[in-house]
Amino acid sequence: MKSFLHSAAAVIAGMFTNMILTFVVTAAVVFGLPSLVEGSSGATAPPNGYIVLNLLYSTLFAGAGGWVTSRLAPSPKMRTSFVYAMVLLALGTVYYVEARGGVQPDWYLLGLVVMGVPAALIGGKLGARGAD
């Protein structure tokens, strides 16, 4: 039971890492570089340049979350990183289904689902390698 709780805490820490980094960088871009999102509102999509940038750093932060998960996880570390990746897949799929056809383009929503899982696993592998 202790190992399960330790693994669950590692997954939660990875999720928080991903969410906090994404929130901070998104806020910094939106408020620090308003020209990137100029013309968008709650009813209109931001320009494609911003959407691509957001997709890239979201993918990077999914990897950072995988790294944190792996570093905090008990052995076998990659199993816990895989759980983190599956949580991202589940949340991304739900978000894709719910937001599809809305303001954000479908390619962006699909990109979050498709790119997050490998990034999380790569981050987990890097974290596990550094822990040995």
Protein backbone atom coordinates (compact mmCIF):
# COMPACT_ATOMS: atom_id res chain seq x y z
CA MET A 1 0.00 0.00 0.00
CA LYS A 2 2.86 2.36 0.80
CA SER A 3 4.34 1.84 -2.67
CA PHE A 4 0.96 2.56 -4.29
CA LEU A 5 0.58 5.81 -2.33
CA HIS A 6 4.15 6.78 -3.19
CA SER A 7 3.45 6.16 -6.89
CA ALA A 8 0.13 8.05 -6.74
CA ALA A 9 1.89 11.01 -5.10
CA ALA A 10 4.54 10.94 -7.85
CA VAL A 11 1.85 11.02 -10.56
CA ILE A 12 0.07 13.90 -8.83
CA ALA A 13 3.36 15.79 -8.51
CA GLY A 14 3.97 15.27 -12.24
CA MET A 15 0.49 16.58 -13.05
CA PHE A 16 1.00 19.65 -10.84
CA THR A 17 4.38 20.29 -12.47
CA ASN A 18 2.77 20.17 -15.90
CA MET A 19 -0.18 22.38 -14.90
CA ILE A 20 1.86 25.01 -13.04
CA LEU A 21 4.45 25.36 -15.80
CA THR A 22 1.73 25.60 -18.44
CA PHE A 23 -0.22 28.19 -16.43
CA VAL A 24 2.83 30.36 -15.69
CA VAL A 25 4.17 30.34 -19.24
CA THR A 26 0.73 30.90 -20.78
CA ALA A 27 0.16 33.87 -18.46
CA ALA A 28 3.63 35.23 -19.25
CA VAL A 29 3.04 34.94 -23.00
CA VAL A 30 -0.47 36.40 -22.91
CA PHE A 31 0.45 39.33 -20.66
CA GLY A 32 4.08 39.78 -21.71
CA LEU A 33 3.62 39.38 -25.46
CA PRO A 34 0.03 40.46 -26.11
CA SER A 35 0.75 40.87 -29.82
CA LEU A 36 0.89 37.05 -30.06
CA VAL A 37 -2.75 36.74 -29.06
CA GLU A 38 -3.95 40.03 -30.50
CA GLY A 39 -7.42 39.87 -31.98
CA SER A 40 -8.52 36.80 -30.07
CA SER A 41 -11.25 36.72 -27.48
CA GLY A 42 -13.30 34.07 -25.75
CA ALA A 43 -15.30 33.70 -28.96
CA THR A 44 -12.42 33.68 -31.46
CA ALA A 45 -9.31 31.54 -31.65
CA PRO A 46 -5.88 33.04 -31.12
CA PRO A 47 -3.58 33.21 -34.15
CA ASN A 48 -2.03 29.95 -35.34
CA GLY A 49 1.46 31.11 -34.29
CA TYR A 50 0.39 31.30 -30.67
CA ILE A 51 -1.46 27.97 -30.88
CA VAL A 52 1.67 26.25 -32.26
CA LEU A 53 3.80 27.83 -29.51
CA ASN A 54 1.30 26.69 -26.89
CA LEU A 55 1.30 23.16 -28.28
CA LEU A 56 5.11 23.03 -28.23
CA TYR A 57 5.52 24.20 -24.65
CA SER A 58 2.60 22.07 -23.49
CA THR A 59 4.39 19.06 -24.96
CA LEU A 60 7.65 20.07 -23.28
CA PHE A 61 5.86 20.44 -19.94
CA ALA A 62 4.21 17.03 -20.32
CA GLY A 63 7.78 15.73 -20.56
CA ALA A 64 8.79 17.72 -17.48
CA GLY A 65 5.87 16.17 -15.61
CA GLY A 66 7.05 12.72 -16.69
CA TRP A 67 10.54 13.52 -15.46
CA VAL A 68 9.24 14.66 -12.05
CA THR A 69 6.98 11.61 -11.82
CA SER A 70 9.87 9.28 -12.54
CA ARG A 71 12.25 11.00 -10.14
CA LEU A 72 9.75 10.75 -7.27
CA ALA A 73 8.41 7.27 -8.08
CA PRO A 74 9.49 4.08 -6.37
CA SER A 75 10.93 1.34 -8.58
CA PRO A 76 9.97 0.44 -11.24
CA LYS A 77 9.97 4.12 -12.17
CA MET A 78 8.82 3.68 -15.77
CA ARG A 79 5.64 1.94 -14.66
CA THR A 80 4.69 5.05 -12.68
CA SER A 81 5.65 7.27 -15.62
CA PHE A 82 3.42 5.13 -17.83
CA VAL A 83 0.51 5.72 -15.43
CA TYR A 84 1.21 9.47 -15.64
CA ALA A 85 1.19 9.23 -19.45
CA MET A 86 -2.13 7.34 -19.39
CA VAL A 87 -3.65 10.02 -17.12
CA LEU A 88 -2.55 12.63 -19.68
CA LEU A 89 -4.04 10.53 -22.47
CA ALA A 90 -7.35 10.20 -20.64
CA LEU A 91 -7.57 13.90 -19.77
CA GLY A 92 -6.47 14.94 -23.27
CA THR A 93 -9.06 12.66 -24.87
CA VAL A 94 -11.85 14.03 -22.70
CA TYR A 95 -10.73 17.58 -23.51
CA TYR A 96 -10.61 16.74 -27.24
CA VAL A 97 -14.14 15.31 -27.18
CA GLU A 98 -15.54 18.20 -25.15
CA ALA A 99 -13.79 21.08 -26.96
CA ARG A 100 -13.92 19.73 -30.51
CA GLY A 101 -15.62 22.09 -32.94
CA GLY A 102 -15.12 25.03 -30.57
CA VAL A 103 -12.78 27.99 -30.69
CA GLN A 104 -9.56 26.00 -30.68
CA PRO A 105 -8.74 24.16 -33.90
CA ASP A 106 -9.17 20.39 -33.87
CA TRP A 107 -5.53 19.87 -34.93
CA TYR A 108 -4.40 21.58 -31.72
CA LEU A 109 -6.69 19.47 -29.54
CA LEU A 110 -5.52 16.30 -31.27
CA GLY A 111 -1.91 17.43 -30.97
CA LEU A 112 -2.28 17.68 -27.20
CA VAL A 113 -3.46 14.06 -27.09
CA VAL A 114 -0.93 12.66 -29.56
CA MET A 115 2.18 14.56 -28.43
CA GLY A 116 1.65 14.46 -24.67
CA VAL A 117 2.01 10.71 -24.20
CA PRO A 118 5.40 10.26 -25.92
CA ALA A 119 6.71 13.42 -24.24
CA ALA A 120 5.64 12.09 -20.83
CA LEU A 121 7.32 8.74 -21.51
CA ILE A 122 10.54 10.36 -22.75
CA GLY A 123 10.61 12.61 -19.69
CA GLY A 124 9.99 9.56 -17.51
CA LYS A 125 12.83 7.68 -19.18
CA LEU A 126 15.21 10.60 -18.66
CA GLY A 127 14.16 10.87 -15.02
CA ALA A 128 14.57 7.15 -14.44
CA ARG A 129 18.01 7.16 -16.03
CA GLY A 130 19.15 10.03 -13.81
CA ALA A 131 17.95 8.24 -10.69
CA ASP A 132 20.17 5.19 -11.19
